[in-house]
Amino acid sequence: MPKARVTQIVDGDTFKIPRKVIRLANVDAPEMGTRGGSQAKTDLKDMIKGKTISYTPVGKSYNRVVAQVKVAGKSVNQAMRNKVR
């Protein structure tokens, strides 16, 4: 399971690590500029920005790695799914 430090949050379900853009698998956060988009981005930022995450790639989409992501052993995907309902 690869590990990397999160360098930038793009939106509520996408972020950057060195040399890769990762999208959270099975998370459909509101888009930026729509209701809830800014809050979803803030929630993801608070959870992982500057932290080391581990991830398991499950696919690719638009030049992004789609992955199951964990921080401190906890599923980021599940936490964001719970927040964006």
Protein backbone atom coordinates (compact mmCIF):
# COMPACT_ATOMS: atom_id res chain seq x y z
CA MET A 1 0.00 0.00 0.00
CA PRO A 2 1.75 3.19 -1.18
CA LYS A 3 2.11 6.12 1.22
CA ALA A 4 2.53 9.82 0.52
CA ARG A 5 2.06 13.26 2.05
CA VAL A 6 -0.95 15.25 0.86
CA THR A 7 0.18 18.51 -0.74
CA GLN A 8 -3.07 20.06 -1.97
CA ILE A 9 -6.83 19.61 -1.72
CA VAL A 10 -8.60 20.11 -5.06
CA ASP A 11 -12.20 19.62 -3.90
CA GLY A 12 -14.23 17.38 -1.60
CA ASP A 13 -13.15 14.14 -3.23
CA THR A 14 -9.86 14.91 -4.99
CA PHE A 15 -6.38 15.80 -3.71
CA LYS A 16 -2.75 15.87 -4.76
CA ILE A 17 0.33 14.05 -3.57
CA PRO A 18 3.74 14.39 -5.24
CA ARG A 19 3.41 13.41 -8.93
CA LYS A 20 -0.20 12.15 -8.59
CA VAL A 21 -3.79 13.33 -8.32
CA ILE A 22 -6.02 11.02 -6.30
CA ARG A 23 -9.80 10.82 -6.33
CA LEU A 24 -11.57 9.08 -3.47
CA ALA A 25 -13.33 5.92 -4.68
CA ASN A 26 -17.09 5.79 -4.12
CA VAL A 27 -17.31 9.38 -2.86
CA ASP A 28 -19.47 11.91 -4.72
CA ALA A 29 -18.81 15.22 -2.98
CA PRO A 30 -20.56 18.37 -4.24
CA GLU A 31 -18.60 20.21 -6.92
CA MET A 32 -16.90 23.49 -6.09
CA GLY A 33 -19.23 26.37 -6.88
CA THR A 34 -22.30 24.35 -5.91
CA ARG A 35 -24.06 24.13 -2.56
CA GLY A 36 -21.88 22.18 -0.12
CA GLY A 37 -18.80 22.14 -2.35
CA SER A 38 -16.74 24.51 -0.27
CA GLN A 39 -17.66 22.71 2.97
CA ALA A 40 -16.74 19.31 1.49
CA LYS A 41 -13.34 20.69 0.45
CA THR A 42 -12.80 22.11 3.95
CA ASP A 43 -13.80 18.79 5.53
CA LEU A 44 -11.29 16.87 3.39
CA LYS A 45 -8.60 19.49 4.04
CA ASP A 46 -9.10 19.25 7.80
CA MET A 47 -8.86 15.47 7.59
CA ILE A 48 -5.76 14.97 5.42
CA LYS A 49 -3.92 18.17 4.32
CA GLY A 50 -0.21 17.86 5.14
CA LYS A 51 -0.67 14.36 6.55
CA THR A 52 0.75 11.09 5.30
CA ILE A 53 -1.93 8.89 3.77
CA SER A 54 -1.84 5.32 2.51
CA TYR A 55 -3.86 4.36 -0.53
CA THR A 56 -4.96 1.38 -2.55
CA PRO A 57 -5.55 2.19 -6.22
CA VAL A 58 -8.78 0.71 -7.60
CA GLY A 59 -8.87 2.43 -11.00
CA LYS A 60 -8.17 5.55 -13.05
CA SER A 61 -10.40 8.41 -14.14
CA TYR A 62 -9.42 11.53 -16.09
CA ASN A 63 -5.70 11.05 -15.35
CA ARG A 64 -6.43 10.63 -11.65
CA VAL A 65 -5.79 7.57 -9.52
CA VAL A 66 -9.08 6.40 -7.99
CA ALA A 67 -8.29 4.92 -4.59
CA GLN A 68 -9.33 3.76 -1.18
CA VAL A 69 -7.47 6.10 1.19
CA LYS A 70 -6.56 5.85 4.86
CA VAL A 71 -5.07 8.29 7.32
CA ALA A 72 -3.94 7.04 10.74
CA GLY A 73 -5.57 3.70 9.92
CA LYS A 74 -9.02 5.22 9.32
CA SER A 75 -10.89 5.25 6.00
CA VAL A 76 -11.03 8.72 4.48
CA ASN A 77 -13.51 7.41 1.89
CA GLN A 78 -15.98 6.31 4.57
CA ALA A 79 -15.57 9.51 6.58
CA MET A 80 -16.25 11.67 3.51
CA ARG A 81 -19.22 9.53 2.45
CA ASN A 82 -20.69 10.11 5.91
CA LYS A 83 -20.13 13.88 5.65
CA VAL A 84 -21.55 14.44 2.15
CA ARG A 85 -24.86 12.62 2.61
